[in-house]
C-alpha cells in the first residue's frame, strides 16, 4: 500500500492492485487547496464540510458514509461509531472510525475523534498496523488525548492529522509540535509518502508532509 497525506484529515491509500481510497475530502473552507484527486472509494467520518466534500474527488467512486461497510478491488473497509466530542455527541454528533484492510494491513483512520472511545471501539481498533489520529484539539482530541488512545490501542505506526498547517483557517487548533513532543519525537522529519507491506511497517510516530500545504 502507498499512503499519502493530502491535508487536514484527508489521505490517499493505493493498494497494490491500483485501487485507490480517499478519506475525508475537504472543501475550500479549510484554507487548503484540494489537490486534483481520483478515487475508487471515498470514506467520510462525518458530515461536516471539511470531511465530506465528495465533489472535490474525480472518477466514479463508491461513496461510504457513517458505519457502512464496503469492498472495492483490493480494499475492504468497515467502521465503528464513536463521538466527535466529549459529550456523547451532544455538541458535534457521531464520528465513524474507519478500519481498512489493504494488502494484508489493518489501517485505522480515527476521523474527528473527540473523546476516549468505548471499550468496544478500543477492542475493534487495537493492533492496527497504521493509525491516523487527530491531534490538534478543540474540535477533536488534543496531543494528550491522542497519546492516551495510542497507549490503549497500541498501533504499530501512528500518523498525526487534523492539526494546523501553514494555510489552515482553523487557528483554534494546535499544530503538530505538541503531539510530537508528547510522543518523544520533537524533531521528527516529515515523510512525503509511505510504501507499506506486512512486516515492513515503521514503528512509532511518523510525521507526514501534507501535500496540499506546508507544515508550520
C-alpha atoms as a PDB file:
ATOM      1  CA  UNK A   1       0.000   0.000   0.000  1.00  0.00           C
ATOM      2  CA  UNK A   2       1.116   3.509  -0.800  1.00  0.00           C
ATOM      3  CA  UNK A   3      -0.015   6.081   1.753  1.00  0.00           C
ATOM      4  CA  UNK A   4      -0.068   9.828   1.110  1.00  0.00           C
ATOM      5  CA  UNK A   5      -1.269  12.656   3.347  1.00  0.00           C
ATOM      6  CA  UNK A   6      -3.231  15.252   1.367  1.00  0.00           C
ATOM      7  CA  UNK A   7      -4.107  17.555   4.262  1.00  0.00           C
ATOM      8  CA  UNK A   8      -6.423  18.044   7.256  1.00  0.00           C
ATOM      9  CA  UNK A   9      -7.894  14.510   7.677  1.00  0.00           C
ATOM     10  CA  UNK A  10      -7.612  13.546   4.010  1.00  0.00           C
ATOM     11  CA  UNK A  11      -5.348  10.673   2.951  1.00  0.00           C
ATOM     12  CA  UNK A  12      -4.885   8.741  -0.259  1.00  0.00           C
ATOM     13  CA  UNK A  13      -4.337   4.997   0.059  1.00  0.00           C
ATOM     14  CA  UNK A  14      -3.427   2.999  -3.029  1.00  0.00           C
ATOM     15  CA  UNK A  15      -3.457  -0.793  -2.900  1.00  0.00           C
ATOM     16  CA  UNK A  16      -1.006  -2.918  -4.851  1.00  0.00           C
ATOM     17  CA  UNK A  17      -3.712  -3.670  -7.423  1.00  0.00           C
ATOM     18  CA  UNK A  18      -4.162   0.078  -8.040  1.00  0.00           C
ATOM     19  CA  UNK A  19      -7.421   0.519  -6.118  1.00  0.00           C
ATOM     20  CA  UNK A  20      -7.451   3.992  -4.557  1.00  0.00           C
ATOM     21  CA  UNK A  21      -9.314   5.191  -1.459  1.00  0.00           C
ATOM     22  CA  UNK A  22      -9.623   8.786  -0.263  1.00  0.00           C
ATOM     23  CA  UNK A  23     -10.609   9.612   3.309  1.00  0.00           C
ATOM     24  CA  UNK A  24     -12.472  12.741   4.445  1.00  0.00           C
ATOM     25  CA  UNK A  25     -12.113  15.100   1.449  1.00  0.00           C
ATOM     26  CA  UNK A  26     -12.445  18.750   2.486  1.00  0.00           C
ATOM     27  CA  UNK A  27     -13.686  21.935   0.833  1.00  0.00           C
ATOM     28  CA  UNK A  28     -12.146  25.385   0.462  1.00  0.00           C
ATOM     29  CA  UNK A  29     -13.304  26.493   3.892  1.00  0.00           C
ATOM     30  CA  UNK A  30     -10.320  24.692   5.396  1.00  0.00           C
ATOM     31  CA  UNK A  31      -7.998  27.206   3.727  1.00  0.00           C
ATOM     32  CA  UNK A  32      -6.012  24.481   1.971  1.00  0.00           C
ATOM     33  CA  UNK A  33      -6.421  23.839  -1.744  1.00  0.00           C
ATOM     34  CA  UNK A  34      -7.623  20.333  -2.513  1.00  0.00           C
ATOM     35  CA  UNK A  35      -5.320  18.559  -4.952  1.00  0.00           C
ATOM     36  CA  UNK A  36      -6.826  17.030  -8.101  1.00  0.00           C
ATOM     37  CA  UNK A  37      -7.672  13.533  -6.913  1.00  0.00           C
ATOM     38  CA  UNK A  38      -9.297  10.489  -8.490  1.00  0.00           C
ATOM     39  CA  UNK A  39     -10.572   7.603  -6.403  1.00  0.00           C
ATOM     40  CA  UNK A  40     -12.386   4.269  -6.483  1.00  0.00           C
ATOM     41  CA  UNK A  41     -13.628   4.696  -2.910  1.00  0.00           C
ATOM     42  CA  UNK A  42     -14.347   7.710  -0.689  1.00  0.00           C
ATOM     43  CA  UNK A  43     -14.989   7.364   3.033  1.00  0.00           C
ATOM     44  CA  UNK A  44     -16.287  10.146   5.274  1.00  0.00           C
ATOM     45  CA  UNK A  45     -16.094  10.054   9.042  1.00  0.00           C
ATOM     46  CA  UNK A  46     -18.981  12.523   9.431  1.00  0.00           C
ATOM     47  CA  UNK A  47     -20.962  15.125   7.528  1.00  0.00           C
ATOM     48  CA  UNK A  48     -19.080  18.349   8.225  1.00  0.00           C
ATOM     49  CA  UNK A  49     -17.870  20.340   5.203  1.00  0.00           C
ATOM     50  CA  UNK A  50     -14.194  19.761   5.998  1.00  0.00           C
ATOM     51  CA  UNK A  51     -14.649  15.977   5.839  1.00  0.00           C
ATOM     52  CA  UNK A  52     -17.382  15.193   3.301  1.00  0.00           C
ATOM     53  CA  UNK A  53     -16.692  17.194   0.138  1.00  0.00           C
ATOM     54  CA  UNK A  54     -17.043  14.331  -2.319  1.00  0.00           C
ATOM     55  CA  UNK A  55     -17.303  16.727  -5.284  1.00  0.00           C
ATOM     56  CA  UNK A  56     -13.603  17.508  -4.881  1.00  0.00           C
ATOM     57  CA  UNK A  57     -12.711  13.957  -5.994  1.00  0.00           C
ATOM     58  CA  UNK A  58     -12.990  12.825  -9.628  1.00  0.00           C
ATOM     59  CA  UNK A  59     -13.902   9.473 -11.105  1.00  0.00           C
ATOM     60  CA  UNK A  60     -16.920   7.352 -10.234  1.00  0.00           C
ATOM     61  CA  UNK A  61     -16.055   6.298  -6.704  1.00  0.00           C
ATOM     62  CA  UNK A  62     -18.159   4.322  -4.289  1.00  0.00           C
ATOM     63  CA  UNK A  63     -19.006   6.801  -1.520  1.00  0.00           C
ATOM     64  CA  UNK A  64     -19.338   5.463   2.002  1.00  0.00           C
ATOM     65  CA  UNK A  65     -20.991   7.303   4.877  1.00  0.00           C
ATOM     66  CA  UNK A  66     -21.177   6.534   8.583  1.00  0.00           C
ATOM     67  CA  UNK A  67     -20.542   2.903   9.516  1.00  0.00           C
ATOM     68  CA  UNK A  68     -21.461   1.496   6.091  1.00  0.00           C
ATOM     69  CA  UNK A  69     -19.076  -1.337   5.084  1.00  0.00           C
ATOM     70  CA  UNK A  70     -17.624  -1.524   1.591  1.00  0.00           C
ATOM     71  CA  UNK A  71     -15.269  -3.517  -0.616  1.00  0.00           C
ATOM     72  CA  UNK A  72     -13.719  -2.193  -3.819  1.00  0.00           C
ATOM     73  CA  UNK A  73     -10.903  -4.030  -5.571  1.00  0.00           C
ATOM     74  CA  UNK A  74      -8.093  -4.635  -3.099  1.00  0.00           C
ATOM     75  CA  UNK A  75      -9.623  -2.514  -0.324  1.00  0.00           C
ATOM     76  CA  UNK A  76     -12.196  -3.524   2.276  1.00  0.00           C
ATOM     77  CA  UNK A  77     -13.497  -1.227   4.983  1.00  0.00           C
ATOM     78  CA  UNK A  78     -15.852  -1.179   7.928  1.00  0.00           C
ATOM     79  CA  UNK A  79     -16.395   1.371  10.670  1.00  0.00           C
ATOM     80  CA  UNK A  80     -17.174   1.628  14.361  1.00  0.00           C
ATOM     81  CA  UNK A  81     -19.119   4.574  15.706  1.00  0.00           C
ATOM     82  CA  UNK A  82     -17.855   6.908  18.373  1.00  0.00           C
ATOM     83  CA  UNK A  83     -18.247  10.635  19.096  1.00  0.00           C
ATOM     84  CA  UNK A  84     -16.979  13.934  17.710  1.00  0.00           C
ATOM     85  CA  UNK A  85     -16.955  15.456  21.211  1.00  0.00           C
ATOM     86  CA  UNK A  86     -16.661  14.608  24.888  1.00  0.00           C
ATOM     87  CA  UNK A  87     -20.426  14.813  25.481  1.00  0.00           C
ATOM     88  CA  UNK A  88     -21.679  11.630  23.785  1.00  0.00           C
ATOM     89  CA  UNK A  89     -22.242  13.520  20.548  1.00  0.00           C
ATOM     90  CA  UNK A  90     -24.366  16.302  22.040  1.00  0.00           C
ATOM     91  CA  UNK A  91     -22.030  19.019  20.723  1.00  0.00           C
ATOM     92  CA  UNK A  92     -20.885  17.759  17.323  1.00  0.00           C
ATOM     93  CA  UNK A  93     -22.530  14.407  16.673  1.00  0.00           C
ATOM     94  CA  UNK A  94     -21.192  10.993  15.801  1.00  0.00           C
ATOM     95  CA  UNK A  95     -17.809  10.077  14.350  1.00  0.00           C
ATOM     96  CA  UNK A  96     -17.134   6.964  12.283  1.00  0.00           C
ATOM     97  CA  UNK A  97     -13.716   5.419  12.877  1.00  0.00           C
ATOM     98  CA  UNK A  98     -12.741   3.615   9.671  1.00  0.00           C
ATOM     99  CA  UNK A  99     -10.947   0.265   9.688  1.00  0.00           C
ATOM    100  CA  UNK A 100      -9.393  -0.682   6.344  1.00  0.00           C
ATOM    101  CA  UNK A 101      -7.956  -3.999   5.181  1.00  0.00           C
ATOM    102  CA  UNK A 102      -5.433  -3.243   2.432  1.00  0.00           C
ATOM    103  CA  UNK A 103      -2.659  -5.571   1.197  1.00  0.00           C
ATOM    104  CA  UNK A 104      -2.722  -7.553   4.442  1.00  0.00           C
ATOM    105  CA  UNK A 105      -2.552  -4.412   6.599  1.00  0.00           C
ATOM    106  CA  UNK A 106      -5.003  -3.127   9.215  1.00  0.00           C
ATOM    107  CA  UNK A 107      -5.288   0.642   8.792  1.00  0.00           C
ATOM    108  CA  UNK A 108      -7.368   2.760  11.181  1.00  0.00           C
ATOM    109  CA  UNK A 109      -8.479   6.313  10.359  1.00  0.00           C
ATOM    110  CA  UNK A 110      -9.819   7.904  13.537  1.00  0.00           C
ATOM    111  CA  UNK A 111     -11.798  10.679  11.828  1.00  0.00           C
ATOM    112  CA  UNK A 112     -12.712  13.593  14.099  1.00  0.00           C
ATOM    113  CA  UNK A 113     -12.488  11.605  17.296  1.00  0.00           C
ATOM    114  CA  UNK A 114     -13.419  13.805  20.247  1.00  0.00           C
ATOM    115  CA  UNK A 115     -13.079  11.548  23.285  1.00  0.00           C
ATOM    116  CA  UNK A 116     -11.622   8.331  24.641  1.00  0.00           C
ATOM    117  CA  UNK A 117     -13.514   5.607  22.742  1.00  0.00           C
ATOM    118  CA  UNK A 118     -15.613   2.983  24.475  1.00  0.00           C
ATOM    119  CA  UNK A 119     -14.149  -0.389  25.348  1.00  0.00           C
ATOM    120  CA  UNK A 120     -15.855  -1.991  22.336  1.00  0.00           C
ATOM    121  CA  UNK A 121     -14.343   0.567  19.985  1.00  0.00           C
ATOM    122  CA  UNK A 122     -10.891   0.243  21.541  1.00  0.00           C
ATOM    123  CA  UNK A 123     -11.139  -3.518  21.050  1.00  0.00           C
ATOM    124  CA  UNK A 124     -12.032  -3.062  17.364  1.00  0.00           C
ATOM    125  CA  UNK A 125      -9.124  -0.699  16.621  1.00  0.00           C
ATOM    126  CA  UNK A 126      -6.459  -2.374  18.746  1.00  0.00           C
ATOM    127  CA  UNK A 127      -3.433  -3.750  16.947  1.00  0.00           C
ATOM    128  CA  UNK A 128      -3.585  -1.595  13.823  1.00  0.00           C
ATOM    129  CA  UNK A 129      -0.556  -1.593  11.578  1.00  0.00           C
ATOM    130  CA  UNK A 130      -1.214   2.089  10.896  1.00  0.00           C
ATOM    131  CA  UNK A 131      -3.378   4.601  12.746  1.00  0.00           C
ATOM    132  CA  UNK A 132      -4.120   8.133  11.533  1.00  0.00           C
ATOM    133  CA  UNK A 133      -5.221  10.184  14.528  1.00  0.00           C
ATOM    134  CA  UNK A 134      -6.260  13.826  15.091  1.00  0.00           C
ATOM    135  CA  UNK A 135      -4.002  15.781  17.425  1.00  0.00           C
ATOM    136  CA  UNK A 136      -4.958  19.467  17.086  1.00  0.00           C
ATOM    137  CA  UNK A 137      -7.527  19.732  19.868  1.00  0.00           C
ATOM    138  CA  UNK A 138     -10.619  21.981  20.170  1.00  0.00           C
ATOM    139  CA  UNK A 139     -12.764  20.124  17.600  1.00  0.00           C
ATOM    140  CA  UNK A 140     -11.081  16.802  18.352  1.00  0.00           C
ATOM    141  CA  UNK A 141      -8.808  15.202  20.911  1.00  0.00           C
ATOM    142  CA  UNK A 142      -5.558  17.047  21.521  1.00  0.00           C
ATOM    143  CA  UNK A 143      -1.988  15.755  21.825  1.00  0.00           C
ATOM    144  CA  UNK A 144      -2.501  14.175  25.244  1.00  0.00           C
ATOM    145  CA  UNK A 145      -5.854  12.719  24.242  1.00  0.00           C
ATOM    146  CA  UNK A 146      -4.269  11.131  21.193  1.00  0.00           C
ATOM    147  CA  UNK A 147      -1.430   9.765  23.302  1.00  0.00           C
ATOM    148  CA  UNK A 148      -3.929   8.170  25.701  1.00  0.00           C
ATOM    149  CA  UNK A 149      -5.740   6.392  22.851  1.00  0.00           C
ATOM    150  CA  UNK A 150      -2.446   5.232  21.356  1.00  0.00           C
ATOM    151  CA  UNK A 151      -1.349   3.788  24.687  1.00  0.00           C
ATOM    152  CA  UNK A 152      -4.516   1.719  24.863  1.00  0.00           C
ATOM    153  CA  UNK A 153      -4.939   0.713  21.210  1.00  0.00           C
ATOM    154  CA  UNK A 154      -1.235   0.036  20.579  1.00  0.00           C
ATOM    155  CA  UNK A 155      -0.934   0.699  16.830  1.00  0.00           C
ATOM    156  CA  UNK A 156       2.422  -0.131  15.267  1.00  0.00           C
ATOM    157  CA  UNK A 157       2.678   3.128  13.310  1.00  0.00           C
ATOM    158  CA  UNK A 158       0.953   6.409  14.230  1.00  0.00           C
ATOM    159  CA  UNK A 159       0.419   9.316  11.827  1.00  0.00           C
ATOM    160  CA  UNK A 160      -0.862  12.626  13.213  1.00  0.00           C
ATOM    161  CA  UNK A 161      -3.536  14.527  11.281  1.00  0.00           C
ATOM    162  CA  UNK A 162      -6.089  17.332  11.755  1.00  0.00           C
ATOM    163  CA  UNK A 163      -3.597  19.864  13.031  1.00  0.00           C
ATOM    164  CA  UNK A 164      -2.898  23.460  11.998  1.00  0.00           C
ATOM    165  CA  UNK A 165      -0.757  23.803   8.889  1.00  0.00           C
ATOM    166  CA  UNK A 166       0.597  26.939   7.249  1.00  0.00           C
ATOM    167  CA  UNK A 167      -2.533  27.982   5.347  1.00  0.00           C
ATOM    168  CA  UNK A 168      -5.160  26.365   7.530  1.00  0.00           C
ATOM    169  CA  UNK A 169      -8.052  28.577   8.632  1.00  0.00           C
ATOM    170  CA  UNK A 170      -8.769  26.787  11.912  1.00  0.00           C
ATOM    171  CA  UNK A 171      -6.460  28.796  14.159  1.00  0.00           C
ATOM    172  CA  UNK A 172      -8.155  27.420  17.285  1.00  0.00           C
ATOM    173  CA  UNK A 173      -6.489  24.034  16.751  1.00  0.00           C
ATOM    174  CA  UNK A 174      -2.856  23.351  17.548  1.00  0.00           C
ATOM    175  CA  UNK A 175      -0.075  22.403  15.177  1.00  0.00           C
ATOM    176  CA  UNK A 176       1.871  19.144  15.156  1.00  0.00           C
ATOM    177  CA  UNK A 177       4.554  20.173  17.644  1.00  0.00           C
ATOM    178  CA  UNK A 178       2.731  19.465  20.912  1.00  0.00           C
ATOM    179  CA  UNK A 179       1.927  15.927  19.790  1.00  0.00           C
ATOM    180  CA  UNK A 180       5.449  15.201  18.594  1.00  0.00           C
ATOM    181  CA  UNK A 181       6.850  16.458  21.898  1.00  0.00           C
ATOM    182  CA  UNK A 182       4.298  14.464  23.862  1.00  0.00           C
ATOM    183  CA  UNK A 183       5.329  11.310  21.989  1.00  0.00           C
ATOM    184  CA  UNK A 184       9.057  11.931  22.485  1.00  0.00           C
ATOM    185  CA  UNK A 185       9.917  12.751  18.859  1.00  0.00           C
ATOM    186  CA  UNK A 186      10.010  16.574  18.776  1.00  0.00           C
ATOM    187  CA  UNK A 187      12.415  16.694  15.832  1.00  0.00           C
ATOM    188  CA  UNK A 188      10.668  14.182  13.569  1.00  0.00           C
ATOM    189  CA  UNK A 189      11.265  14.787   9.860  1.00  0.00           C
ATOM    190  CA  UNK A 190       8.230  14.792   7.582  1.00  0.00           C
ATOM    191  CA  UNK A 191       7.868  11.950   5.076  1.00  0.00           C
ATOM    192  CA  UNK A 192       6.414  12.596   1.615  1.00  0.00           C
ATOM    193  CA  UNK A 193       4.812   9.157   1.224  1.00  0.00           C
ATOM    194  CA  UNK A 194       4.997   5.688   2.725  1.00  0.00           C
ATOM    195  CA  UNK A 195       5.072   2.329   0.988  1.00  0.00           C
ATOM    196  CA  UNK A 196       3.843  -0.256   3.476  1.00  0.00           C
ATOM    197  CA  UNK A 197       3.734  -4.032   3.462  1.00  0.00           C
ATOM    198  CA  UNK A 198       3.169  -6.549   6.255  1.00  0.00           C
ATOM    199  CA  UNK A 199       6.462  -6.891   8.086  1.00  0.00           C
ATOM    200  CA  UNK A 200       7.818  -3.557   6.832  1.00  0.00           C
ATOM    201  CA  UNK A 201       5.733  -1.021   8.737  1.00  0.00           C
ATOM    202  CA  UNK A 202       7.746   1.604  10.665  1.00  0.00           C
ATOM    203  CA  UNK A 203       7.188   1.617  14.406  1.00  0.00           C
ATOM    204  CA  UNK A 204       6.189   4.685  16.391  1.00  0.00           C
ATOM    205  CA  UNK A 205       5.205   8.129  15.188  1.00  0.00           C
ATOM    206  CA  UNK A 206       5.662   9.048  11.522  1.00  0.00           C
ATOM    207  CA  UNK A 207       5.086  12.689  10.603  1.00  0.00           C
ATOM    208  CA  UNK A 208       3.840  13.080   7.042  1.00  0.00           C
ATOM    209  CA  UNK A 209       4.085  16.188   4.891  1.00  0.00           C
ATOM    210  CA  UNK A 210       0.602  17.334   3.849  1.00  0.00           C
ATOM    211  CA  UNK A 211       0.877  17.504   0.093  1.00  0.00           C
ATOM    212  CA  UNK A 212      -1.635  20.342  -0.176  1.00  0.00           C
ATOM    213  CA  UNK A 213       0.073  22.639   2.342  1.00  0.00           C
ATOM    214  CA  UNK A 214       3.244  23.281   4.330  1.00  0.00           C
ATOM    215  CA  UNK A 215       3.901  22.373   7.939  1.00  0.00           C
ATOM    216  CA  UNK A 216       4.075  25.177  10.456  1.00  0.00           C
END
